[in-house]
Amino acid sequence: MKKLWNHYSYAIILMALSCSFAIVLTLQSSLQSQDKYMKVTISQGDSLWKIAQQYSDRLSISNEEFVNWVKRHNYNAGDTIYPGDVIMIPVTKESPAAEQFASGFGK
């Protein structure tokens, strides 16, 4: 075993460091991507188009692209959404106060 370690120690250390680095990057990327989306609770009278218009200043896509994105990435968001549904939208979170405001949209 010692002979194996002496012969391959650099390769073993390099592999261990590479795996550790990959895990750290994966976790960091996962945490950053969570900040790019926000949960919105649908209220009476809400529509995807109204929500797109409300967040238009914070979107890097058109309202039509926003509506299509929400339909594609939320299993419960079809052509009709219902009060109480919770959807993810592609908007950067600003603060807990902004998220509270979004939850009360349309009341």
C-alpha atoms as a PDB file:
ATOM      1  CA  MET A   1       0.000   0.000   0.000  1.00  0.00           C
ATOM      2  CA  LYS A   2       2.839   2.384   0.862  1.00  0.00           C
ATOM      3  CA  LYS A   3       4.428   1.654  -2.503  1.00  0.00           C
ATOM      4  CA  LEU A   4       1.152   2.553  -4.225  1.00  0.00           C
ATOM      5  CA  TRP A   5       0.894   5.820  -2.248  1.00  0.00           C
ATOM      6  CA  ASN A   6       4.488   6.782  -3.013  1.00  0.00           C
ATOM      7  CA  HIS A   7       3.996   6.125  -6.700  1.00  0.00           C
ATOM      8  CA  TYR A   8       0.585   7.818  -7.144  1.00  0.00           C
ATOM      9  CA  SER A   9       0.391  10.350  -4.281  1.00  0.00           C
ATOM     10  CA  TYR A  10       0.329  13.398  -6.567  1.00  0.00           C
ATOM     11  CA  ALA A  11      -2.419  11.932  -8.729  1.00  0.00           C
ATOM     12  CA  ILE A  12      -4.498  10.967  -5.682  1.00  0.00           C
ATOM     13  CA  ILE A  13      -4.144  14.429  -4.152  1.00  0.00           C
ATOM     14  CA  LEU A  14      -4.973  16.084  -7.478  1.00  0.00           C
ATOM     15  CA  MET A  15      -8.109  13.950  -7.873  1.00  0.00           C
ATOM     16  CA  ALA A  16      -9.252  14.704  -4.301  1.00  0.00           C
ATOM     17  CA  LEU A  17      -8.746  18.452  -4.795  1.00  0.00           C
ATOM     18  CA  SER A  18     -10.533  18.371  -8.152  1.00  0.00           C
ATOM     19  CA  CYS A  19     -13.536  16.591  -6.656  1.00  0.00           C
ATOM     20  CA  SER A  20     -13.667  19.031  -3.733  1.00  0.00           C
ATOM     21  CA  PHE A  21     -13.463  22.004  -6.082  1.00  0.00           C
ATOM     22  CA  ALA A  22     -16.242  20.607  -8.283  1.00  0.00           C
ATOM     23  CA  ILE A  23     -18.530  20.087  -5.279  1.00  0.00           C
ATOM     24  CA  VAL A  24     -17.939  23.632  -4.020  1.00  0.00           C
ATOM     25  CA  LEU A  25     -18.648  25.125  -7.464  1.00  0.00           C
ATOM     26  CA  THR A  26     -21.825  23.069  -7.838  1.00  0.00           C
ATOM     27  CA  LEU A  27     -23.173  24.179  -4.468  1.00  0.00           C
ATOM     28  CA  GLN A  28     -22.295  27.815  -5.137  1.00  0.00           C
ATOM     29  CA  SER A  29     -23.964  27.739  -8.550  1.00  0.00           C
ATOM     30  CA  SER A  30     -27.079  26.165  -7.069  1.00  0.00           C
ATOM     31  CA  LEU A  31     -27.370  28.876  -4.420  1.00  0.00           C
ATOM     32  CA  GLN A  32     -26.891  31.662  -6.972  1.00  0.00           C
ATOM     33  CA  SER A  33     -29.539  30.284  -9.316  1.00  0.00           C
ATOM     34  CA  GLN A  34     -32.106  30.313  -6.495  1.00  0.00           C
ATOM     35  CA  ASP A  35     -31.728  34.106  -6.287  1.00  0.00           C
ATOM     36  CA  LYS A  36     -32.852  34.464  -9.906  1.00  0.00           C
ATOM     37  CA  TYR A  37     -36.411  33.341  -9.211  1.00  0.00           C
ATOM     38  CA  MET A  38     -39.203  34.455  -6.952  1.00  0.00           C
ATOM     39  CA  LYS A  39     -42.326  32.733  -5.680  1.00  0.00           C
ATOM     40  CA  VAL A  40     -45.614  34.515  -6.240  1.00  0.00           C
ATOM     41  CA  THR A  41     -48.936  33.460  -4.758  1.00  0.00           C
ATOM     42  CA  ILE A  42     -51.803  34.017  -7.181  1.00  0.00           C
ATOM     43  CA  SER A  43     -54.687  36.154  -5.924  1.00  0.00           C
ATOM     44  CA  GLN A  44     -58.211  36.664  -7.247  1.00  0.00           C
ATOM     45  CA  GLY A  45     -58.097  38.503 -10.583  1.00  0.00           C
ATOM     46  CA  ASP A  46     -54.429  37.776 -11.300  1.00  0.00           C
ATOM     47  CA  SER A  47     -53.254  36.630 -14.705  1.00  0.00           C
ATOM     48  CA  LEU A  48     -49.818  35.796 -16.006  1.00  0.00           C
ATOM     49  CA  TRP A  49     -49.992  38.823 -18.272  1.00  0.00           C
ATOM     50  CA  LYS A  50     -50.758  41.156 -15.319  1.00  0.00           C
ATOM     51  CA  ILE A  51     -47.860  39.692 -13.354  1.00  0.00           C
ATOM     52  CA  ALA A  52     -45.553  40.127 -16.361  1.00  0.00           C
ATOM     53  CA  GLN A  53     -46.588  43.783 -16.622  1.00  0.00           C
ATOM     54  CA  GLN A  54     -46.042  44.315 -12.887  1.00  0.00           C
ATOM     55  CA  TYR A  55     -42.467  42.996 -13.089  1.00  0.00           C
ATOM     56  CA  SER A  56     -41.658  44.341 -16.573  1.00  0.00           C
ATOM     57  CA  ASP A  57     -39.013  46.722 -15.201  1.00  0.00           C
ATOM     58  CA  ARG A  58     -37.160  43.760 -13.627  1.00  0.00           C
ATOM     59  CA  LEU A  59     -37.423  41.383 -16.603  1.00  0.00           C
ATOM     60  CA  SER A  60     -34.834  40.863 -19.295  1.00  0.00           C
ATOM     61  CA  ILE A  61     -37.438  39.225 -21.540  1.00  0.00           C
ATOM     62  CA  SER A  62     -40.665  40.378 -23.158  1.00  0.00           C
ATOM     63  CA  ASN A  63     -44.017  39.872 -21.459  1.00  0.00           C
ATOM     64  CA  GLU A  64     -44.935  37.164 -23.973  1.00  0.00           C
ATOM     65  CA  GLU A  65     -41.667  35.310 -23.317  1.00  0.00           C
ATOM     66  CA  PHE A  66     -42.310  35.667 -19.569  1.00  0.00           C
ATOM     67  CA  VAL A  67     -45.767  34.078 -19.857  1.00  0.00           C
ATOM     68  CA  ASN A  68     -44.373  31.205 -21.943  1.00  0.00           C
ATOM     69  CA  TRP A  69     -41.508  30.686 -19.470  1.00  0.00           C
ATOM     70  CA  VAL A  70     -43.902  30.511 -16.507  1.00  0.00           C
ATOM     71  CA  LYS A  71     -46.155  28.017 -18.315  1.00  0.00           C
ATOM     72  CA  ARG A  72     -43.166  25.858 -19.229  1.00  0.00           C
ATOM     73  CA  HIS A  73     -41.507  25.854 -15.777  1.00  0.00           C
ATOM     74  CA  ASN A  74     -44.523  25.616 -13.457  1.00  0.00           C
ATOM     75  CA  TYR A  75     -46.523  22.416 -13.531  1.00  0.00           C
ATOM     76  CA  ASN A  76     -49.666  24.172 -12.261  1.00  0.00           C
ATOM     77  CA  ALA A  77     -49.549  27.200 -14.583  1.00  0.00           C
ATOM     78  CA  GLY A  78     -51.441  26.481 -17.739  1.00  0.00           C
ATOM     79  CA  ASP A  79     -53.697  28.827 -19.638  1.00  0.00           C
ATOM     80  CA  THR A  80     -55.666  29.332 -16.434  1.00  0.00           C
ATOM     81  CA  ILE A  81     -54.216  30.039 -12.998  1.00  0.00           C
ATOM     82  CA  TYR A  82     -56.219  29.986  -9.791  1.00  0.00           C
ATOM     83  CA  PRO A  83     -56.094  31.959  -6.542  1.00  0.00           C
ATOM     84  CA  GLY A  84     -53.806  30.221  -4.077  1.00  0.00           C
ATOM     85  CA  ASP A  85     -51.514  28.761  -6.763  1.00  0.00           C
ATOM     86  CA  VAL A  86     -47.836  29.424  -6.101  1.00  0.00           C
ATOM     87  CA  ILE A  87     -45.660  29.934  -9.157  1.00  0.00           C
ATOM     88  CA  MET A  88     -41.983  30.644  -9.732  1.00  0.00           C
ATOM     89  CA  ILE A  89     -41.192  33.639 -11.913  1.00  0.00           C
ATOM     90  CA  PRO A  90     -37.836  34.570 -13.484  1.00  0.00           C
ATOM     91  CA  VAL A  91     -37.293  37.733 -11.434  1.00  0.00           C
ATOM     92  CA  THR A  92     -34.367  38.423  -9.116  1.00  0.00           C
ATOM     93  CA  LYS A  93     -35.339  38.581  -5.467  1.00  0.00           C
ATOM     94  CA  GLU A  94     -34.819  42.034  -4.034  1.00  0.00           C
ATOM     95  CA  SER A  95     -35.738  41.771  -0.385  1.00  0.00           C
ATOM     96  CA  PRO A  96     -38.231  40.046   1.920  1.00  0.00           C
ATOM     97  CA  ALA A  97     -40.441  43.145   1.655  1.00  0.00           C
ATOM     98  CA  ALA A  98     -40.560  42.806  -2.151  1.00  0.00           C
ATOM     99  CA  GLU A  99     -41.571  39.157  -1.824  1.00  0.00           C
ATOM    100  CA  GLN A 100     -44.347  40.085   0.616  1.00  0.00           C
ATOM    101  CA  PHE A 101     -45.611  42.697  -1.820  1.00  0.00           C
ATOM    102  CA  ALA A 102     -45.626  40.141  -4.608  1.00  0.00           C
ATOM    103  CA  SER A 103     -47.642  37.713  -2.495  1.00  0.00           C
ATOM    104  CA  GLY A 104     -50.325  40.338  -2.017  1.00  0.00           C
ATOM    105  CA  PHE A 105     -50.510  41.298  -5.695  1.00  0.00           C
ATOM    106  CA  GLY A 106     -54.062  41.711  -6.920  1.00  0.00           C
ATOM    107  CA  LYS A 107     -55.795  41.851  -3.521  1.00  0.00           C
END
